[in-house]
Amino acid sequence: MVRVEFLGPIQKAALEVEIKNLNELAEILQKDAEVKDWLATSAVAVNDTLVSSLEYALKDGDKISLLPPVCGG
């Protein structure tokens, strides 16, 4: 099980899902109207490290953060 957190203006509570890679998460989030529009422009971090490949392997207990571009400082 991994935890997915939505930061900044994405107004969605964290969720926990059983997935093996970020590609599976993308498929789930494409079906979510609250998040779908943010997917193309958001960065993704796994355990606070930015990743770019949807094939990134996940393991139990990982934390995934969806970072929309307006989160910058």
PDB file of N, CA and C in Angstrom:
ATOM      1  N   MET A   1       0.854  -1.170   0.000  1.00  0.00           N
ATOM      2  CA  MET A   1       0.000   0.000   0.000  1.00  0.00           C
ATOM      3  C   MET A   1       0.904   1.239   0.000  1.00  0.00           C
ATOM      4  N   VAL A   2       0.581   2.208  -0.845  1.00  0.00           N
ATOM      5  CA  VAL A   2       1.308   3.477  -0.881  1.00  0.00           C
ATOM      6  C   VAL A   2       0.332   4.600  -0.559  1.00  0.00           C
ATOM      7  N   ARG A   3       0.870   5.696  -0.057  1.00  0.00           N
ATOM      8  CA  ARG A   3       0.056   6.869   0.284  1.00  0.00           C
ATOM      9  C   ARG A   3       0.300   7.938  -0.776  1.00  0.00           C
ATOM     10  N   VAL A   4      -0.792   8.511  -1.272  1.00  0.00           N
ATOM     11  CA  VAL A   4      -0.709   9.563  -2.278  1.00  0.00           C
ATOM     12  C   VAL A   4      -1.209  10.860  -1.654  1.00  0.00           C
ATOM     13  N   GLU A   5      -0.355  11.899  -1.688  1.00  0.00           N
ATOM     14  CA  GLU A   5      -0.711  13.202  -1.137  1.00  0.00           C
ATOM     15  C   GLU A   5      -0.814  14.216  -2.263  1.00  0.00           C
ATOM     16  N   PHE A   6      -1.787  15.100  -2.152  1.00  0.00           N
ATOM     17  CA  PHE A   6      -2.042  16.128  -3.154  1.00  0.00           C
ATOM     18  C   PHE A   6      -1.740  17.482  -2.522  1.00  0.00           C
ATOM     19  N   LEU A   7      -0.751  18.188  -3.059  1.00  0.00           N
ATOM     20  CA  LEU A   7      -0.290  19.431  -2.443  1.00  0.00           C
ATOM     21  C   LEU A   7      -0.841  20.663  -3.154  1.00  0.00           C
ATOM     22  N   GLY A   8      -0.626  21.804  -2.512  1.00  0.00           N
ATOM     23  CA  GLY A   8      -1.029  23.085  -3.091  1.00  0.00           C
ATOM     24  C   GLY A   8      -2.527  23.183  -3.327  1.00  0.00           C
ATOM     25  N   PRO A   9      -2.912  23.681  -4.494  1.00  0.00           N
ATOM     26  CA  PRO A   9      -4.330  23.949  -4.753  1.00  0.00           C
ATOM     27  C   PRO A   9      -5.167  22.713  -5.091  1.00  0.00           C
ATOM     28  N   ILE A  10      -4.558  21.551  -5.135  1.00  0.00           N
ATOM     29  CA  ILE A  10      -5.350  20.345  -5.390  1.00  0.00           C
ATOM     30  C   ILE A  10      -6.078  20.011  -4.095  1.00  0.00           C
ATOM     31  N   GLN A  11      -7.339  20.281  -4.082  1.00  0.00           N
ATOM     32  CA  GLN A  11      -8.141  20.122  -2.864  1.00  0.00           C
ATOM     33  C   GLN A  11      -8.676  18.699  -2.763  1.00  0.00           C
ATOM     34  N   LYS A  12      -7.797  17.776  -2.398  1.00  0.00           N
ATOM     35  CA  LYS A  12      -8.197  16.383  -2.291  1.00  0.00           C
ATOM     36  C   LYS A  12      -7.468  15.750  -1.110  1.00  0.00           C
ATOM     37  N   ALA A  13      -8.198  14.970  -0.354  1.00  0.00           N
ATOM     38  CA  ALA A  13      -7.600  14.265   0.780  1.00  0.00           C
ATOM     39  C   ALA A  13      -6.651  13.191   0.269  1.00  0.00           C
ATOM     40  N   ALA A  14      -5.649  12.881   1.072  1.00  0.00           N
ATOM     41  CA  ALA A  14      -4.702  11.820   0.727  1.00  0.00           C
ATOM     42  C   ALA A  14      -5.450  10.504   0.568  1.00  0.00           C
ATOM     43  N   LEU A  15      -4.879   9.630  -0.244  1.00  0.00           N
ATOM     44  CA  LEU A  15      -5.487   8.325  -0.405  1.00  0.00           C
ATOM     45  C   LEU A  15      -4.419   7.246  -0.353  1.00  0.00           C
ATOM     46  N   GLU A  16      -4.838   6.035  -0.073  1.00  0.00           N
ATOM     47  CA  GLU A  16      -3.926   4.903  -0.048  1.00  0.00           C
ATOM     48  C   GLU A  16      -4.392   3.901  -1.084  1.00  0.00           C
ATOM     49  N   VAL A  17      -3.444   3.444  -1.906  1.00  0.00           N
ATOM     50  CA  VAL A  17      -3.761   2.514  -2.982  1.00  0.00           C
ATOM     51  C   VAL A  17      -2.714   1.412  -3.052  1.00  0.00           C
ATOM     52  N   GLU A  18      -3.108   0.303  -3.620  1.00  0.00           N
ATOM     53  CA  GLU A  18      -2.216  -0.835  -3.828  1.00  0.00           C
ATOM     54  C   GLU A  18      -1.809  -0.819  -5.295  1.00  0.00           C
ATOM     55  N   ILE A  19      -0.613  -0.282  -5.578  1.00  0.00           N
ATOM     56  CA  ILE A  19      -0.113  -0.187  -6.951  1.00  0.00           C
ATOM     57  C   ILE A  19       1.364  -0.560  -6.974  1.00  0.00           C
ATOM     58  N   LYS A  20       1.868  -0.887  -8.194  1.00  0.00           N
ATOM     59  CA  LYS A  20       3.267  -1.308  -8.338  1.00  0.00           C
ATOM     60  C   LYS A  20       4.161  -0.240  -8.963  1.00  0.00           C
ATOM     61  N   ASN A  21       3.542   0.714  -9.689  1.00  0.00           N
ATOM     62  CA  ASN A  21       4.339   1.776 -10.311  1.00  0.00           C
ATOM     63  C   ASN A  21       3.466   3.016 -10.529  1.00  0.00           C
ATOM     64  N   LEU A  22       4.108   4.096 -10.952  1.00  0.00           N
ATOM     65  CA  LEU A  22       3.388   5.352 -11.133  1.00  0.00           C
ATOM     66  C   LEU A  22       2.431   5.312 -12.313  1.00  0.00           C
ATOM     67  N   ASN A  23       2.694   4.446 -13.274  1.00  0.00           N
ATOM     68  CA  ASN A  23       1.788   4.305 -14.406  1.00  0.00           C
ATOM     69  C   ASN A  23       0.415   3.844 -13.930  1.00  0.00           C
ATOM     70  N   GLU A  24       0.372   2.923 -12.988  1.00  0.00           N
ATOM     71  CA  GLU A  24      -0.893   2.458 -12.427  1.00  0.00           C
ATOM     72  C   GLU A  24      -1.609   3.597 -11.697  1.00  0.00           C
ATOM     73  N   LEU A  25      -0.841   4.435 -11.001  1.00  0.00           N
ATOM     74  CA  LEU A  25      -1.439   5.586 -10.319  1.00  0.00           C
ATOM     75  C   LEU A  25      -2.024   6.556 -11.337  1.00  0.00           C
ATOM     76  N   ALA A  26      -1.309   6.810 -12.420  1.00  0.00           N
ATOM     77  CA  ALA A  26      -1.796   7.726 -13.453  1.00  0.00           C
ATOM     78  C   ALA A  26      -3.134   7.236 -14.019  1.00  0.00           C
ATOM     79  N   GLU A  27      -3.271   5.928 -14.212  1.00  0.00           N
ATOM     80  CA  GLU A  27      -4.519   5.370 -14.727  1.00  0.00           C
ATOM     81  C   GLU A  27      -5.669   5.625 -13.747  1.00  0.00           C
ATOM     82  N   ILE A  28      -5.400   5.479 -12.463  1.00  0.00           N
ATOM     83  CA  ILE A  28      -6.420   5.723 -11.439  1.00  0.00           C
ATOM     84  C   ILE A  28      -6.811   7.192 -11.408  1.00  0.00           C
ATOM     85  N   LEU A  29      -5.805   8.074 -11.418  1.00  0.00           N
ATOM     86  CA  LEU A  29      -6.072   9.507 -11.282  1.00  0.00           C
ATOM     87  C   LEU A  29      -6.714  10.117 -12.525  1.00  0.00           C
ATOM     88  N   GLN A  30      -6.522   9.510 -13.692  1.00  0.00           N
ATOM     89  CA  GLN A  30      -7.175   9.994 -14.915  1.00  0.00           C
ATOM     90  C   GLN A  30      -8.695   9.927 -14.792  1.00  0.00           C
ATOM     91  N   LYS A  31      -9.176   9.053 -13.929  1.00  0.00           N
ATOM     92  CA  LYS A  31     -10.620   8.877 -13.747  1.00  0.00           C
ATOM     93  C   LYS A  31     -11.190   9.798 -12.666  1.00  0.00           C
ATOM     94  N   ASP A  32     -10.326  10.578 -12.020  1.00  0.00           N
ATOM     95  CA  ASP A  32     -10.740  11.452 -10.920  1.00  0.00           C
ATOM     96  C   ASP A  32     -10.847  12.893 -11.422  1.00  0.00           C
ATOM     97  N   ALA A  33     -12.049  13.417 -11.492  1.00  0.00           N
ATOM     98  CA  ALA A  33     -12.274  14.764 -12.037  1.00  0.00           C
ATOM     99  C   ALA A  33     -11.530  15.853 -11.255  1.00  0.00           C
ATOM    100  N   GLU A  34     -11.349  15.675  -9.947  1.00  0.00           N
ATOM    101  CA  GLU A  34     -10.664  16.681  -9.131  1.00  0.00           C
ATOM    102  C   GLU A  34      -9.176  16.776  -9.452  1.00  0.00           C
ATOM    103  N   VAL A  35      -8.601  15.715  -9.952  1.00  0.00           N
ATOM    104  CA  VAL A  35      -7.150  15.633 -10.134  1.00  0.00           C
ATOM    105  C   VAL A  35      -6.736  15.609 -11.606  1.00  0.00           C
ATOM    106  N   LYS A  36      -7.574  15.095 -12.449  1.00  0.00           N
ATOM    107  CA  LYS A  36      -7.237  14.852 -13.853  1.00  0.00           C
ATOM    108  C   LYS A  36      -6.551  16.036 -14.545  1.00  0.00           C
ATOM    109  N   ASP A  37      -7.073  17.232 -14.376  1.00  0.00           N
ATOM    110  CA  ASP A  37      -6.511  18.407 -15.057  1.00  0.00           C
ATOM    111  C   ASP A  37      -5.120  18.786 -14.555  1.00  0.00           C
ATOM    112  N   TRP A  38      -4.750  18.336 -13.371  1.00  0.00           N
ATOM    113  CA  TRP A  38      -3.443  18.664 -12.804  1.00  0.00           C
ATOM    114  C   TRP A  38      -2.340  17.709 -13.264  1.00  0.00           C
ATOM    115  N   LEU A  39      -2.690  16.566 -13.788  1.00  0.00           N
ATOM    116  CA  LEU A  39      -1.695  15.534 -14.081  1.00  0.00           C
ATOM    117  C   LEU A  39      -0.638  15.953 -15.088  1.00  0.00           C
ATOM    118  N   ALA A  40      -1.022  16.659 -16.125  1.00  0.00           N
ATOM    119  CA  ALA A  40      -0.074  17.024 -17.183  1.00  0.00           C
ATOM    120  C   ALA A  40       0.972  18.032 -16.723  1.00  0.00           C
ATOM    121  N   THR A  41       0.659  18.839 -15.728  1.00  0.00           N
ATOM    122  CA  THR A  41       1.573  19.904 -15.330  1.00  0.00           C
ATOM    123  C   THR A  41       2.244  19.692 -13.974  1.00  0.00           C
ATOM    124  N   SER A  42       1.843  18.670 -13.262  1.00  0.00           N
ATOM    125  CA  SER A  42       2.380  18.459 -11.917  1.00  0.00           C
ATOM    126  C   SER A  42       3.632  17.590 -11.924  1.00  0.00           C
ATOM    127  N   ALA A  43       4.529  17.906 -11.013  1.00  0.00           N
ATOM    128  CA  ALA A  43       5.687  17.053 -10.768  1.00  0.00           C
ATOM    129  C   ALA A  43       5.267  15.975  -9.774  1.00  0.00           C
ATOM    130  N   VAL A  44       6.036  14.898  -9.751  1.00  0.00           N
ATOM    131  CA  VAL A  44       5.736  13.792  -8.842  1.00  0.00           C
ATOM    132  C   VAL A  44       6.986  13.479  -8.025  1.00  0.00           C
ATOM    133  N   ALA A  45       6.777  13.311  -6.731  1.00  0.00           N
ATOM    134  CA  ALA A  45       7.876  12.921  -5.849  1.00  0.00           C
ATOM    135  C   ALA A  45       7.503  11.618  -5.154  1.00  0.00           C
ATOM    136  N   VAL A  46       8.498  10.750  -5.017  1.00  0.00           N
ATOM    137  CA  VAL A  46       8.331   9.530  -4.246  1.00  0.00           C
ATOM    138  C   VAL A  46       9.283   9.630  -3.067  1.00  0.00           C
ATOM    139  N   ASN A  47       8.734   9.580  -1.879  1.00  0.00           N
ATOM    140  CA  ASN A  47       9.528   9.738  -0.653  1.00  0.00           C
ATOM    141  C   ASN A  47      10.389  11.002  -0.711  1.00  0.00           C
ATOM    142  N   ASP A  48       9.773  12.091  -1.162  1.00  0.00           N
ATOM    143  CA  ASP A  48      10.380  13.423  -1.234  1.00  0.00           C
ATOM    144  C   ASP A  48      11.502  13.567  -2.263  1.00  0.00           C
ATOM    145  N   THR A  49      11.586  12.649  -3.222  1.00  0.00           N
ATOM    146  CA  THR A  49      12.561  12.744  -4.308  1.00  0.00           C
ATOM    147  C   THR A  49      11.801  12.804  -5.625  1.00  0.00           C
ATOM    148  N   LEU A  50      12.056  13.848  -6.428  1.00  0.00           N
ATOM    149  CA  LEU A  50      11.366  13.986  -7.710  1.00  0.00           C
ATOM    150  C   LEU A  50      11.712  12.831  -8.636  1.00  0.00           C
ATOM    151  N   VAL A  51      10.708  12.319  -9.326  1.00  0.00           N
ATOM    152  CA  VAL A  51      10.901  11.243 -10.296  1.00  0.00           C
ATOM    153  C   VAL A  51      10.222  11.635 -11.600  1.00  0.00           C
ATOM    154  N   SER A  52      10.701  11.072 -12.711  1.00  0.00           N
ATOM    155  CA  SER A  52      10.134  11.455 -14.001  1.00  0.00           C
ATOM    156  C   SER A  52       9.556  10.273 -14.786  1.00  0.00           C
ATOM    157  N   SER A  53       9.862   9.065 -14.400  1.00  0.00           N
ATOM    158  CA  SER A  53       9.388   7.904 -15.142  1.00  0.00           C
ATOM    159  C   SER A  53       8.130   7.305 -14.522  1.00  0.00           C
ATOM    160  N   LEU A  54       7.122   7.072 -15.357  1.00  0.00           N
ATOM    161  CA  LEU A  54       5.903   6.433 -14.876  1.00  0.00           C
ATOM    162  C   LEU A  54       6.133   4.959 -14.556  1.00  0.00           C
ATOM    163  N   GLU A  55       7.265   4.421 -14.991  1.00  0.00           N
ATOM    164  CA  GLU A  55       7.593   3.029 -14.694  1.00  0.00           C
ATOM    165  C   GLU A  55       8.326   2.893 -13.359  1.00  0.00           C
ATOM    166  N   TYR A  56       8.497   3.995 -12.645  1.00  0.00           N
ATOM    167  CA  TYR A  56       9.188   3.977 -11.357  1.00  0.00           C
ATOM    168  C   TYR A  56       8.527   2.946 -10.435  1.00  0.00           C
ATOM    169  N   ALA A  57       9.307   1.982  -9.981  1.00  0.00           N
ATOM    170  CA  ALA A  57       8.770   0.907  -9.131  1.00  0.00           C
ATOM    171  C   ALA A  57       8.490   1.424  -7.725  1.00  0.00           C
ATOM    172  N   LEU A  58       7.357   1.043  -7.195  1.00  0.00           N
ATOM    173  CA  LEU A  58       6.954   1.451  -5.847  1.00  0.00           C
ATOM    174  C   LEU A  58       6.989   0.257  -4.921  1.00  0.00           C
ATOM    175  N   LYS A  59       7.197   0.547  -3.639  1.00  0.00           N
ATOM    176  CA  LYS A  59       7.162  -0.519  -2.650  1.00  0.00           C
ATOM    177  C   LYS A  59       6.230  -0.126  -1.510  1.00  0.00           C
ATOM    178  N   ASP A  60       5.821  -1.099  -0.768  1.00  0.00           N
ATOM    179  CA  ASP A  60       4.895  -0.884   0.337  1.00  0.00           C
ATOM    180  C   ASP A  60       5.424   0.200   1.270  1.00  0.00           C
ATOM    181  N   GLY A  61       4.570   1.165   1.598  1.00  0.00           N
ATOM    182  CA  GLY A  61       4.944   2.237   2.513  1.00  0.00           C
ATOM    183  C   GLY A  61       5.462   3.498   1.843  1.00  0.00           C
ATOM    184  N   ASP A  62       5.658   3.479   0.522  1.00  0.00           N
ATOM    185  CA  ASP A  62       6.121   4.679  -0.175  1.00  0.00           C
ATOM    186  C   ASP A  62       5.088   5.802  -0.065  1.00  0.00           C
ATOM    187  N   LYS A  63       5.600   7.041  -0.082  1.00  0.00           N
ATOM    188  CA  LYS A  63       4.738   8.228  -0.083  1.00  0.00           C
ATOM    189  C   LYS A  63       4.922   8.937  -1.420  1.00  0.00           C
ATOM    190  N   ILE A  64       3.827   9.140  -2.122  1.00  0.00           N
ATOM    191  CA  ILE A  64       3.856   9.822  -3.415  1.00  0.00           C
ATOM    192  C   ILE A  64       3.210  11.181  -3.214  1.00  0.00           C
ATOM    193  N   SER A  65       3.877  12.230  -3.724  1.00  0.00           N
ATOM    194  CA  SER A  65       3.326  13.579  -3.631  1.00  0.00           C
ATOM    195  C   SER A  65       3.114  14.124  -5.026  1.00  0.00           C
ATOM    196  N   LEU A  66       1.934  14.651  -5.279  1.00  0.00           N
ATOM    197  CA  LEU A  66       1.637  15.313  -6.536  1.00  0.00           C
ATOM    198  C   LEU A  66       1.819  16.809  -6.302  1.00  0.00           C
ATOM    199  N   LEU A  67       2.775  17.409  -7.042  1.00  0.00           N
ATOM    200  CA  LEU A  67       3.193  18.791  -6.824  1.00  0.00           C
ATOM    201  C   LEU A  67       2.806  19.669  -8.010  1.00  0.00           C
ATOM    202  N   PRO A  68       1.691  20.398  -7.907  1.00  0.00           N
ATOM    203  CA  PRO A  68       1.330  21.285  -9.015  1.00  0.00           C
ATOM    204  C   PRO A  68       2.324  22.436  -9.121  1.00  0.00           C
ATOM    205  N   PRO A  69       2.444  23.053 -10.298  1.00  0.00           N
ATOM    206  CA  PRO A  69       3.459  24.084 -10.512  1.00  0.00           C
ATOM    207  C   PRO A  69       3.319  25.296  -9.595  1.00  0.00           C
ATOM    208  N   VAL A  70       2.198  25.512  -8.981  1.00  0.00           N
ATOM    209  CA  VAL A  70       2.016  26.664  -8.110  1.00  0.00           C
ATOM    210  C   VAL A  70       2.558  26.431  -6.695  1.00  0.00           C
ATOM    211  N   CYS A  71       3.184  25.296  -6.455  1.00  0.00           N
ATOM    212  CA  CYS A  71       3.737  24.999  -5.132  1.00  0.00           C
ATOM    213  C   CYS A  71       5.121  25.607  -4.937  1.00  0.00           C
ATOM    214  N   GLY A  72       5.747  26.110  -5.994  1.00  0.00           N
ATOM    215  CA  GLY A  72       7.112  26.625  -5.901  1.00  0.00           C
ATOM    216  C   GLY A  72       7.253  27.784  -4.950  1.00  0.00           C
ATOM    217  N   GLY A  73       8.494  28.050  -4.562  1.00  0.00           N
ATOM    218  CA  GLY A  73       8.704  29.098  -3.585  1.00  0.00           C
ATOM    219  C   GLY A  73       9.453  30.262  -4.103  1.00  0.00           C
TER     220      GLY A  73
END
